[in-house]
Amino acid sequence: MNNHVKLFHRIAPIYGLFYRFQLRKYRHFLKQMQKRYPDFKGEALDVGFGTGALMHALIERGFYVHGVDAAPNMVKIAKKKLHKYPVTIHGADVLEGLPFARDVFDVAVSSYVLHGLKEEERLKMYAEMKRVSRNFVVFYEHSFTPSLPIRVAERLEGGEYFAFKERVSEELQKHFPCFESLKLSKKVIVYLCQVKEK
């Protein structure tokens, strides 16, 4: 278990306190996606699902959902919160390879994971999510003007957020045939990547 995963394993109970707040945000996000892209539906993979709020919202929007997370405590909390829902949960690390064949999902989505990774780790994540998705790869992230508490948290987390925001567009352009960034709010930006040329 790498240091990043260990951190999220330790703080999983704190994340669990924000489940309902996150669920409201993800419901809004998915409503916007399906309004804009009618084929944004089907079978979805949530990479780094945390406590499961995004998986919950995906199920509500009609997706059949799989999720992977490398932090055992996140897996434990998500299973508890989603035990009544049709979801398949896997304890796995995207950086070590996803346990799925090529092109098995319509959508692969990840929320607030990408910015915490080093550049070489992000490249692995792009490749794996692109490999398993037929249509869309989506990254839900902090905007470039995060609140002061988010900036402080990112410094404490020791991730790559401040370097990431300078490079993300160039990286996505290299790895996907096309992508667009959608500003959902002052604090949230979504990178929607299409896996195949249209």
Protein backbone atom coordinates (compact mmCIF):
# COMPACT_ATOMS: atom_id res chain seq x y z
CA MET A 1 0.00 0.00 0.00
CA ASN A 2 1.62 3.28 -1.09
CA ASN A 3 1.62 6.42 1.06
CA HIS A 4 -1.24 8.02 -0.86
CA VAL A 5 -3.46 4.98 -0.32
CA LYS A 6 -2.42 4.77 3.36
CA LEU A 7 -3.51 8.37 3.87
CA PHE A 8 -6.97 7.75 2.47
CA HIS A 9 -7.25 4.49 4.38
CA ARG A 10 -6.69 6.48 7.60
CA ILE A 11 -9.04 9.37 6.82
CA ALA A 12 -11.89 7.29 5.38
CA PRO A 13 -14.14 7.78 8.47
CA ILE A 14 -13.86 11.56 8.08
CA TYR A 15 -14.81 11.33 4.39
CA GLY A 16 -17.83 9.29 5.38
CA LEU A 17 -19.25 12.32 7.21
CA PHE A 18 -19.59 14.21 3.90
CA TYR A 19 -21.45 11.46 2.04
CA ARG A 20 -24.82 13.28 1.74
CA PHE A 21 -23.16 16.54 0.69
CA GLN A 22 -21.15 14.72 -1.97
CA LEU A 23 -24.23 12.86 -3.18
CA ARG A 24 -26.08 16.12 -3.86
CA LYS A 25 -23.12 17.44 -5.88
CA TYR A 26 -22.81 14.24 -7.91
CA ARG A 27 -26.53 14.15 -8.66
CA HIS A 28 -26.23 17.63 -10.18
CA PHE A 29 -23.12 16.63 -12.14
CA LEU A 30 -24.74 13.54 -13.66
CA LYS A 31 -27.93 15.37 -14.53
CA GLN A 32 -25.85 17.88 -16.48
CA MET A 33 -23.85 15.15 -18.22
CA GLN A 34 -26.92 13.23 -19.37
CA LYS A 35 -28.65 16.39 -20.53
CA ARG A 36 -25.63 17.34 -22.63
CA TYR A 37 -24.69 13.84 -23.83
CA PRO A 38 -27.68 11.51 -24.46
CA ASP A 39 -25.35 8.50 -24.79
CA PHE A 40 -23.86 9.13 -21.33
CA LYS A 41 -25.43 5.98 -19.88
CA GLY A 42 -25.00 2.23 -19.55
CA GLU A 43 -22.35 0.46 -17.50
CA ALA A 44 -19.99 2.62 -15.44
CA LEU A 45 -16.75 2.18 -13.54
CA ASP A 46 -15.93 4.54 -10.64
CA VAL A 47 -12.17 4.59 -10.05
CA GLY A 48 -11.19 5.63 -6.52
CA PHE A 49 -14.78 5.67 -5.28
CA GLY A 50 -14.02 6.77 -1.72
CA THR A 51 -17.11 6.24 0.44
CA GLY A 52 -19.35 5.53 -2.57
CA ALA A 53 -21.38 8.71 -3.07
CA LEU A 54 -20.69 8.93 -6.81
CA MET A 55 -21.60 5.26 -7.28
CA HIS A 56 -24.87 5.96 -5.45
CA ALA A 57 -25.64 8.85 -7.82
CA LEU A 58 -24.71 6.77 -10.89
CA ILE A 59 -27.13 4.03 -9.83
CA GLU A 60 -29.91 6.60 -9.43
CA ARG A 61 -29.28 7.78 -13.01
CA GLY A 62 -29.76 4.27 -14.38
CA PHE A 63 -26.16 3.04 -14.63
CA TYR A 64 -25.04 -0.45 -13.68
CA VAL A 65 -21.99 0.32 -11.54
CA HIS A 66 -18.65 -1.22 -10.66
CA GLY A 67 -16.20 0.56 -8.37
CA VAL A 68 -12.54 0.16 -7.49
CA ASP A 69 -10.63 1.68 -4.60
CA ALA A 70 -7.26 0.76 -3.12
CA ALA A 71 -7.95 1.97 0.46
CA PRO A 72 -9.45 -0.87 2.53
CA ASN A 73 -11.36 1.45 4.87
CA MET A 74 -12.95 3.26 1.90
CA VAL A 75 -14.05 -0.11 0.52
CA LYS A 76 -15.50 -1.05 3.91
CA ILE A 77 -17.49 2.20 4.26
CA ALA A 78 -18.77 2.10 0.67
CA LYS A 79 -19.98 -1.49 1.09
CA LYS A 80 -21.85 -0.49 4.23
CA LYS A 81 -23.46 2.58 2.65
CA LEU A 82 -24.39 0.82 -0.60
CA HIS A 83 -25.38 -2.61 0.72
CA LYS A 84 -28.97 -2.16 -0.58
CA TYR A 85 -27.91 -1.14 -4.08
CA PRO A 86 -26.91 -3.14 -7.19
CA VAL A 87 -23.21 -2.28 -7.25
CA THR A 88 -20.08 -4.41 -7.58
CA ILE A 89 -17.21 -3.20 -5.41
CA HIS A 90 -13.57 -4.21 -5.92
CA GLY A 91 -10.55 -3.54 -3.73
CA ALA A 92 -8.01 -2.67 -6.42
CA ASP A 93 -5.44 -0.03 -7.34
CA VAL A 94 -5.71 1.56 -10.79
CA LEU A 95 -1.94 2.15 -10.73
CA GLU A 96 -1.36 -1.60 -10.60
CA GLY A 97 -3.84 -2.28 -13.40
CA LEU A 98 -7.60 -2.56 -13.38
CA PRO A 99 -9.05 -6.09 -13.11
CA PHE A 100 -11.17 -5.75 -16.25
CA ALA A 101 -10.91 -6.55 -19.94
CA ARG A 102 -10.65 -3.89 -22.64
CA ASP A 103 -13.78 -1.87 -23.59
CA VAL A 104 -16.11 -3.33 -20.95
CA PHE A 105 -17.62 -0.05 -19.64
CA ASP A 106 -19.51 2.72 -21.37
CA VAL A 107 -18.17 5.30 -18.92
CA ALA A 108 -15.14 5.32 -16.61
CA VAL A 109 -15.26 8.14 -14.08
CA SER A 110 -13.06 9.31 -11.24
CA SER A 111 -13.66 12.01 -8.67
CA TYR A 112 -10.95 13.97 -6.86
CA VAL A 113 -8.29 11.31 -7.46
CA LEU A 114 -6.26 12.54 -10.43
CA HIS A 115 -4.93 15.74 -8.85
CA GLY A 116 -3.32 13.86 -5.98
CA LEU A 117 -1.13 11.71 -8.21
CA LYS A 118 2.34 12.28 -9.54
CA GLU A 119 2.67 12.79 -13.28
CA GLU A 120 3.82 9.24 -14.05
CA GLU A 121 0.90 7.90 -11.98
CA ARG A 122 -1.59 10.08 -13.85
CA LEU A 123 -0.30 8.67 -17.14
CA LYS A 124 -0.97 5.14 -15.88
CA MET A 125 -4.45 6.16 -14.78
CA TYR A 126 -5.28 7.71 -18.18
CA ALA A 127 -4.12 4.57 -19.95
CA GLU A 128 -6.05 2.16 -17.73
CA MET A 129 -9.30 4.13 -17.75
CA LYS A 130 -9.09 4.56 -21.52
CA ARG A 131 -8.41 0.85 -21.92
CA VAL A 132 -11.56 -0.28 -20.11
CA SER A 133 -13.98 2.33 -21.50
CA ARG A 134 -15.83 2.24 -24.82
CA ASN A 135 -17.07 5.83 -24.82
CA PHE A 136 -16.18 8.30 -22.08
CA VAL A 137 -13.52 8.85 -19.44
CA VAL A 138 -14.47 11.58 -16.97
CA PHE A 139 -12.45 13.30 -14.26
CA TYR A 140 -14.33 15.35 -11.65
CA GLU A 141 -11.88 17.77 -10.02
CA HIS A 142 -11.29 20.94 -8.04
CA SER A 143 -11.41 24.05 -10.19
CA PHE A 144 -8.38 26.27 -10.64
CA THR A 145 -9.74 28.61 -7.96
CA PRO A 146 -10.32 26.29 -4.99
CA SER A 147 -11.33 27.61 -1.60
CA LEU A 148 -8.73 28.30 1.08
CA PRO A 149 -9.62 25.11 3.04
CA ILE A 150 -9.11 23.04 -0.13
CA ARG A 151 -5.76 24.70 -0.81
CA VAL A 152 -4.63 24.00 2.75
CA ALA A 153 -5.86 20.40 2.56
CA GLU A 154 -3.98 19.85 -0.70
CA ARG A 155 -0.76 21.16 0.86
CA LEU A 156 -1.21 18.82 3.82
CA GLU A 157 -2.07 15.88 1.55
CA GLY A 158 1.24 16.34 -0.23
CA GLY A 159 -0.22 15.58 -3.65
CA GLU A 160 0.53 17.14 -6.98
CA TYR A 161 -2.49 19.46 -7.23
CA PHE A 162 -0.59 22.67 -7.92
CA ALA A 163 1.55 21.08 -10.64
CA PHE A 164 -1.41 19.07 -11.95
CA LYS A 165 -3.54 22.11 -12.71
CA GLU A 166 -0.76 23.52 -14.90
CA ARG A 167 -0.38 20.31 -16.93
CA VAL A 168 -3.76 18.59 -17.05
CA SER A 169 -4.98 20.00 -20.38
CA GLU A 170 -1.73 19.12 -22.16
CA GLU A 171 -1.74 15.61 -20.67
CA LEU A 172 -5.33 14.89 -21.64
CA GLN A 173 -4.76 16.21 -25.16
CA LYS A 174 -1.94 13.70 -25.59
CA HIS A 175 -3.90 10.71 -24.28
CA PHE A 176 -7.41 11.14 -25.70
CA PRO A 177 -8.70 11.89 -29.22
CA CYS A 178 -10.67 14.80 -27.81
CA PHE A 179 -11.66 16.24 -24.47
CA GLU A 180 -13.41 19.26 -23.06
CA SER A 181 -13.39 20.94 -19.69
CA LEU A 182 -16.75 21.90 -18.21
CA LYS A 183 -16.93 24.29 -15.28
CA LEU A 184 -19.84 23.02 -13.16
CA SER A 185 -19.41 25.64 -10.47
CA LYS A 186 -16.83 28.03 -9.07
CA LYS A 187 -15.22 25.11 -7.24
CA VAL A 188 -15.69 22.17 -9.63
CA ILE A 189 -14.39 21.42 -13.11
CA VAL A 190 -15.07 18.27 -15.12
CA TYR A 191 -12.79 16.90 -17.85
CA LEU A 192 -14.85 14.84 -20.26
CA CYS A 193 -12.67 12.74 -22.54
CA GLN A 194 -13.89 10.76 -25.53
CA VAL A 195 -12.10 7.48 -26.04
CA LYS A 196 -12.61 7.17 -29.79
CA GLU A 197 -12.49 9.60 -32.67
CA LYS A 198 -15.95 10.82 -33.65
